[in-house]
Protein backbone atom coordinates (compact mmCIF):
# COMPACT_ATOMS: atom_id res chain seq x y z
CA MET A 1 81.96 136.47 99.99
CA LYS A 2 84.06 133.90 101.88
CA ASN A 3 86.39 131.74 99.80
CA ILE A 4 86.54 128.02 100.56
CA ILE A 5 88.97 125.77 98.73
CA ILE A 6 87.98 122.15 98.14
CA THR A 7 90.93 120.12 96.93
CA GLY A 8 90.27 117.06 94.80
CA GLY A 9 86.85 118.42 93.96
CA ALA A 10 86.66 116.71 90.57
CA GLY A 11 87.08 113.26 92.06
CA PHE A 12 84.48 110.84 93.37
CA ILE A 13 83.83 112.11 96.90
CA GLY A 14 85.05 115.63 96.13
CA SER A 15 82.53 116.19 93.35
CA HIS A 16 79.67 115.28 95.69
CA VAL A 17 81.00 117.68 98.32
CA VAL A 18 81.47 120.49 95.77
CA ARG A 19 77.95 120.12 94.37
CA ARG A 20 76.49 120.12 97.88
CA MET A 21 78.45 123.15 99.04
CA VAL A 22 77.71 125.17 95.90
CA ALA A 23 73.99 124.40 96.11
CA ASN A 24 73.53 124.87 99.85
CA HIS A 25 75.77 127.90 100.42
CA PRO A 26 75.26 130.58 97.75
CA ASP A 27 76.94 133.05 100.12
CA LEU A 28 80.23 131.13 99.84
CA HIS A 29 82.65 131.10 96.91
CA ILE A 30 83.69 127.48 96.34
CA ILE A 31 87.07 127.04 94.65
CA ASN A 32 87.60 123.55 93.31
CA VAL A 33 91.34 122.81 93.16
CA ASP A 34 92.20 119.64 91.26
CA ALA A 35 95.17 118.41 89.23
CA LEU A 36 92.83 116.35 87.01
CA THR A 37 94.90 113.19 87.18
CA TYR A 38 93.36 109.90 86.06
CA ALA A 39 90.46 109.95 88.57
CA GLY A 40 89.64 113.66 88.35
CA ASN A 41 86.80 114.31 85.94
CA LEU A 42 85.19 117.71 85.37
CA GLU A 43 82.23 115.92 83.79
CA ASN A 44 81.26 115.16 87.38
CA LEU A 45 80.55 118.87 87.91
CA LYS A 46 78.65 119.87 84.78
CA ASP A 47 75.63 120.91 86.83
CA VAL A 48 77.56 123.53 88.85
CA GLU A 49 80.20 124.79 86.43
CA GLY A 50 78.07 127.80 85.46
CA LYS A 51 77.19 128.82 89.03
CA SER A 52 78.36 132.25 90.13
CA ASN A 53 79.74 130.92 93.43
CA TYR A 54 81.83 128.17 91.81
CA GLU A 55 85.34 128.35 90.37
CA PHE A 56 87.70 125.68 89.10
CA VAL A 57 91.48 125.99 89.37
CA LYS A 58 93.69 123.32 87.84
CA LEU A 59 96.55 122.94 90.27
CA ASP A 60 98.78 120.21 91.65
CA ILE A 61 99.00 120.52 95.43
CA THR A 62 102.63 119.37 95.35
CA ASP A 63 103.50 122.54 93.39
CA GLY A 64 104.35 124.79 96.30
CA ALA A 65 104.76 127.99 94.27
CA SER A 66 101.36 127.61 92.61
CA VAL A 67 99.64 126.80 95.90
CA GLU A 68 101.20 129.84 97.55
CA ALA A 69 100.18 132.03 94.62
CA LEU A 70 96.57 130.90 94.93
CA PHE A 71 96.39 131.42 98.68
CA SER A 72 98.13 134.79 98.55
CA SER A 73 95.88 136.09 95.75
CA ARG A 74 92.76 136.19 97.93
CA LYS A 75 91.73 135.58 101.52
CA ILE A 76 90.93 131.89 101.98
CA HIS A 77 88.41 131.34 104.75
CA GLY A 78 88.84 127.59 104.87
CA VAL A 79 90.03 124.41 103.18
CA ILE A 80 88.29 121.07 102.77
CA HIS A 81 91.16 118.82 101.77
CA LEU A 82 90.11 115.73 99.80
CA ALA A 83 92.88 115.55 97.18
CA ALA A 84 94.71 112.26 97.56
CA GLU A 85 96.07 109.24 95.83
CA SER A 86 93.68 106.65 97.21
CA HIS A 87 93.93 103.24 95.54
CA VAL A 88 95.83 100.69 97.64
CA ASP A 89 97.03 98.63 94.66
CA ARG A 90 98.53 101.72 93.06
CA SER A 91 100.33 102.53 96.33
CA ILE A 92 101.93 99.09 96.33
CA THR A 93 103.14 99.63 92.78
CA ASN A 94 104.43 103.19 93.29
CA PRO A 95 104.55 104.33 96.94
CA LEU A 96 106.40 107.57 96.20
CA ASP A 97 103.43 109.05 94.33
CA PHE A 98 101.40 108.60 97.50
CA VAL A 99 104.06 110.19 99.67
CA MET A 100 104.24 113.20 97.38
CA THR A 101 100.50 113.87 97.07
CA ASN A 102 99.21 112.69 100.42
CA VAL A 103 102.05 113.82 102.69
CA VAL A 104 104.02 116.55 100.91
CA GLY A 105 100.92 118.01 99.26
CA THR A 106 99.11 118.19 102.60
CA VAL A 107 102.04 119.97 104.28
CA ILE A 108 102.24 122.46 101.41
CA LEU A 109 98.55 123.25 101.88
CA LEU A 110 98.97 123.56 105.64
CA ASN A 111 101.83 126.02 105.18
CA ALA A 112 99.84 128.09 102.70
CA TYR A 113 96.78 128.21 104.94
CA LYS A 114 98.91 129.08 107.96
CA ALA A 115 100.56 131.94 106.07
CA TYR A 116 97.60 133.39 104.17
CA GLY A 117 94.35 131.80 105.37
CA ASP A 118 91.68 133.19 107.69
CA THR A 119 92.90 131.21 110.67
CA GLU A 120 90.88 133.34 113.11
CA ASN A 121 87.50 132.41 111.68
CA GLY A 122 87.93 129.53 109.24
CA ARG A 123 89.47 126.09 109.46
CA PHE A 124 91.48 123.42 107.67
CA TYR A 125 89.45 120.23 107.30
CA HIS A 126 91.44 117.13 106.43
CA VAL A 127 89.45 114.18 105.04
CA SER A 128 91.09 110.84 105.80
CA THR A 129 90.35 107.11 105.85
CA ASP A 130 89.66 104.30 108.30
CA GLU A 131 92.62 102.41 106.83
CA VAL A 132 95.01 104.37 109.06
CA TYR A 133 93.79 102.26 111.99
CA GLY A 134 95.02 99.01 110.45
CA THR A 135 92.93 95.86 110.59
CA LEU A 136 90.31 94.41 112.91
CA GLY A 137 89.54 90.84 113.89
CA ASP A 138 86.04 89.40 113.92
CA GLU A 139 84.80 91.86 116.54
CA GLY A 140 85.15 95.49 117.55
CA LYS A 141 85.08 98.81 115.70
CA PHE A 142 87.45 101.69 115.09
CA THR A 143 86.91 104.72 117.31
CA GLU A 144 88.58 108.12 117.20
CA THR A 145 91.05 106.91 119.86
CA THR A 146 92.06 103.68 118.11
CA PRO A 147 95.88 103.66 117.76
CA TYR A 148 97.17 104.08 114.22
CA ASP A 149 98.54 100.90 112.65
CA PRO A 150 98.68 101.38 108.84
CA ASN A 151 99.57 98.35 106.75
CA SER A 152 99.83 99.64 103.16
CA PRO A 153 101.81 102.49 101.59
CA TYR A 154 98.46 104.23 100.99
CA SER A 155 97.31 104.01 104.59
CA ALA A 156 100.79 104.94 105.84
CA SER A 157 100.74 108.08 103.70
CA LYS A 158 97.29 109.04 105.01
CA ALA A 159 98.34 108.34 108.60
CA SER A 160 101.36 110.59 108.12
CA SER A 161 99.22 113.40 106.70
CA ASP A 162 96.80 113.06 109.63
CA HIS A 163 99.71 113.44 112.04
CA PHE A 164 100.97 116.54 110.24
CA VAL A 165 97.52 118.15 110.42
CA ARG A 166 97.32 117.48 114.16
CA ALA A 167 100.89 118.71 114.63
CA TYR A 168 100.04 122.03 112.96
CA HIS A 169 97.12 122.38 115.36
CA GLU A 170 99.32 121.74 118.39
CA THR A 171 102.39 123.66 117.23
CA TYR A 172 100.88 126.59 115.36
CA LYS A 173 97.34 126.57 116.81
CA LEU A 174 95.96 126.10 113.31
CA PRO A 175 92.19 125.50 113.45
CA ILE A 176 91.75 121.96 112.10
CA VAL A 177 89.30 119.08 112.03
CA ILE A 178 89.87 115.56 110.70
CA SER A 179 87.46 112.85 109.66
CA ASN A 180 88.16 109.19 108.95
CA CYS A 181 85.58 107.41 106.82
CA SER A 182 84.78 103.89 105.72
CA ASN A 183 84.45 102.69 102.10
CA ASN A 184 82.24 104.92 99.98
CA TYR A 185 79.86 103.83 97.25
CA GLY A 186 77.66 105.84 94.90
CA SER A 187 77.67 107.65 91.56
CA HIS A 188 80.71 109.07 89.72
CA GLN A 189 83.26 106.69 91.27
CA PHE A 190 86.29 105.82 89.16
CA PRO A 191 85.96 102.16 88.11
CA GLU A 192 89.13 100.84 89.69
CA LYS A 193 87.06 100.60 92.88
CA LEU A 194 85.10 97.46 93.64
CA ILE A 195 81.48 98.37 92.94
CA PRO A 196 81.81 100.34 89.67
CA LEU A 197 84.45 97.86 88.47
CA MET A 198 82.05 94.96 88.98
CA ILE A 199 79.14 96.83 87.36
CA HIS A 200 81.26 97.63 84.32
CA ASN A 201 82.58 94.08 83.99
CA ILE A 202 79.18 92.43 84.44
CA THR A 203 77.73 94.71 81.78
CA HIS A 204 80.46 93.65 79.34
CA ASN A 205 80.61 89.97 80.44
CA LYS A 206 84.17 90.34 81.69
CA PRO A 207 85.67 88.43 84.66
CA LEU A 208 84.92 89.78 88.14
CA PRO A 209 88.28 89.75 89.96
CA VAL A 210 87.90 88.99 93.69
CA TYR A 211 90.98 89.03 95.92
CA GLY A 212 91.82 85.81 97.76
CA LYS A 213 88.64 84.08 98.89
CA GLY A 214 86.69 87.32 99.08
CA GLU A 215 86.33 87.07 102.86
CA ASN A 216 87.70 90.52 103.70
CA ILE A 217 85.08 92.72 105.35
CA ARG A 218 84.38 96.39 104.72
CA ASP A 219 81.89 98.92 106.09
CA TRP A 220 80.08 100.73 103.26
CA LEU A 221 78.97 104.36 103.39
CA TRP A 222 76.77 106.04 100.77
CA VAL A 223 78.76 108.93 99.31
CA GLU A 224 75.90 111.44 99.69
CA ASP A 225 75.79 110.68 103.41
CA HIS A 226 79.54 111.20 103.55
CA ALA A 227 79.23 114.56 101.76
CA ARG A 228 76.51 115.59 104.21
CA ALA A 229 78.77 114.64 107.12
CA ILE A 230 81.67 116.65 105.67
CA GLU A 231 79.45 119.70 105.31
CA LEU A 232 78.26 119.31 108.91
CA ILE A 233 81.74 118.80 110.34
CA TYR A 234 83.16 121.78 108.45
CA PHE A 235 80.58 124.15 109.92
CA LYS A 236 79.80 122.55 113.29
CA GLY A 237 82.81 120.44 114.29
CA VAL A 238 85.10 121.40 117.15
CA ASN A 239 88.60 122.53 116.27
CA GLY A 240 91.24 119.91 117.01
CA GLU A 241 88.74 117.06 116.99
CA THR A 242 88.51 113.92 114.88
CA TYR A 243 85.21 112.41 113.71
CA ASN A 244 84.73 108.91 112.35
CA ILE A 245 82.14 108.52 109.58
CA GLY A 246 80.72 105.05 108.92
CA GLY A 247 77.70 103.37 107.40
CA ASN A 248 77.21 100.69 110.09
CA ASN A 249 76.98 98.37 107.12
CA GLU A 250 79.53 95.55 107.00
CA TRP A 251 79.83 93.17 104.06
CA LYS A 252 82.23 90.42 103.08
CA ASN A 253 83.58 91.31 99.65
CA ILE A 254 82.31 88.08 98.12
CA ASP A 255 78.82 88.54 99.59
CA LEU A 256 78.68 92.07 98.19
CA VAL A 257 79.72 90.84 94.76
CA HIS A 258 77.07 88.10 94.83
CA LYS A 259 74.40 90.63 95.80
CA LEU A 260 75.55 92.89 92.99
CA CYS A 261 75.37 89.99 90.54
CA GLU A 262 71.81 89.18 91.63
CA ILE A 263 70.64 92.76 91.12
CA MET A 264 72.46 93.09 87.78
CA ASP A 265 70.91 89.84 86.52
CA ARG A 266 67.47 91.23 87.32
CA LYS A 267 68.12 94.63 85.76
CA LEU A 268 69.78 93.23 82.63
CA GLY A 269 67.18 90.51 82.12
CA ARG A 270 69.64 87.68 82.64
CA GLU A 271 69.05 84.28 84.19
CA PRO A 272 69.54 84.14 87.98
CA GLY A 273 73.16 83.23 88.72
CA GLU A 274 74.40 84.14 85.24
CA SER A 275 76.58 87.07 86.28
CA ALA A 276 77.99 85.17 89.27
CA GLN A 277 79.64 82.77 86.82
CA LEU A 278 81.99 85.64 85.94
CA ILE A 279 83.51 85.69 89.46
CA THR A 280 87.24 84.97 89.24
CA TYR A 281 89.41 84.64 92.34
CA VAL A 282 92.79 86.34 91.94
CA THR A 283 95.95 86.48 94.03
CA ASP A 284 95.26 88.38 97.22
CA ARG A 285 96.52 91.91 97.68
CA LYS A 286 99.77 92.23 99.62
CA GLY A 287 99.13 93.25 103.22
CA HIS A 288 95.37 93.00 102.69
CA ASP A 289 93.60 94.15 105.87
CA PHE A 290 90.98 91.65 107.00
CA ARG A 291 88.23 93.86 108.37
CA TYR A 292 87.30 97.53 108.80
CA ALA A 293 84.37 98.74 110.87
CA ILE A 294 83.62 102.29 112.03
CA ASP A 295 82.02 103.45 115.27
CA ALA A 296 80.40 106.75 114.26
CA SER A 297 78.68 107.37 117.60
CA LYS A 298 80.72 110.52 118.36
CA LEU A 299 79.51 112.16 115.14
CA GLU A 300 75.96 110.99 115.81
CA ASN A 301 75.88 112.09 119.46
CA GLU A 302 77.74 115.40 119.18
CA LEU A 303 76.66 116.69 115.76
CA GLY A 304 73.44 114.74 115.12
CA TRP A 305 74.54 112.97 111.93
CA THR A 306 73.19 109.55 111.01
CA PRO A 307 73.16 107.69 107.67
CA SER A 308 70.03 108.67 105.75
CA VAL A 309 69.83 105.82 103.25
CA ALA A 310 69.51 102.10 103.93
CA PHE A 311 72.08 100.07 102.03
CA ASP A 312 69.57 98.24 99.85
CA GLN A 313 68.16 101.58 98.68
CA GLY A 314 71.56 103.20 98.18
CA PHE A 315 72.91 100.15 96.39
CA GLU A 316 70.00 100.13 93.93
CA LYS A 317 70.43 103.86 93.31
CA THR A 318 74.12 103.36 92.67
CA ILE A 319 73.63 100.50 90.20
CA ASP A 320 70.89 102.42 88.39
CA TRP A 321 73.15 105.45 88.01
CA TYR A 322 75.92 103.45 86.32
CA LEU A 323 73.47 101.63 84.06
CA GLU A 324 71.92 104.96 83.06
CA ASN A 325 75.32 106.58 82.48
CA THR A 326 77.09 104.01 80.35
CA GLU A 327 78.68 106.74 78.20
CA TRP A 328 80.32 108.26 81.29
CA LEU A 329 81.55 104.85 82.35
CA GLY A 330 82.83 104.12 78.86
CA ARG A 331 84.84 107.33 78.68
CA VAL A 332 86.58 106.84 82.00
CA THR A 333 87.42 103.20 81.31
CA SER A 334 89.31 103.98 78.11
CA GLY A 335 92.91 104.98 77.51
CA ALA A 336 95.19 105.05 80.52
CA TYR A 337 92.74 103.19 82.70
CA ALA A 338 92.56 100.29 80.23
CA ASP A 339 96.36 100.01 80.38
CA TYR A 340 96.30 100.10 84.17
CA TYR A 341 93.55 97.51 84.39
CA SER A 342 95.56 95.15 82.18
CA ALA A 343 98.71 95.65 84.24
CA MET A 344 96.92 95.00 87.51
CA TYR A 345 94.78 91.98 86.61
CA ALA A 346 95.95 90.30 83.40
CA ASN A 347 98.49 88.02 85.07
CA ARG A 348 96.81 87.35 88.40
């Protein structure tokens, strides 16, 4: 049975990828490697934890000795690398954490796969972000050939890790693929991110913090479509290639929040416009990119992937999941997260 490591598999996107791979590929042994920091939650994987082709290993990818021990203990066919520090605000507060996990951790994994992995038949798949491309004006979209122009410590760390992955392909002929995706939404997302944060705050009648005037634009991708794209790229992508994954679904932040408020008012039996009164404009994020938009035509034309869910449908599904899983949301918004939330928003 081939061993595939998925790093960050207890996180938001990672848990969706793990569940999909375990369910769809019983002939593969999926090893979920996660340090279980604040956003890693094994509750996300309750439905697969008893499967014979699933294994969890608690491991920090910046711990070189432990990574080497894992890779040398069995033949690793491939790696799907999702482990990352990913919240821009946190990167502004503590950039070094992002350098360590996103850059150093990636290089440690590359070295381990180069030394011990099945580089003849498998591959190293690095999952990245559209933020490495910088910011767009009112028109245009990011393509796979858009020059890198990162503007935050987070995006700079991801850009650096992307470059290291490509360098290992060119220098050592390591079989690699990279994907850069737009903003994800869906179930099991840690509530520092916009959509689950707003759902949680509306439910508890707390302020809805919106940066600046809320005019920044993001492309939104349903997480299940992203997981499906990752699965497809891992098995069918061409070594050395990059694939952009987008939802073709741009929203101004403030328009998205208003739409969310409308749906929440309906689902919670509130008066129309009631939740929107909670919107509170806060000091804009430093270096806040104006607009992201992804051109996913390469992935569509070469591998046949297209988004499967219209945004209205995916958005409703997402909201319903959080409303039906209030205990999950309550557990992850306690403790350290409550302290972080206060530090980030109390004085803005």
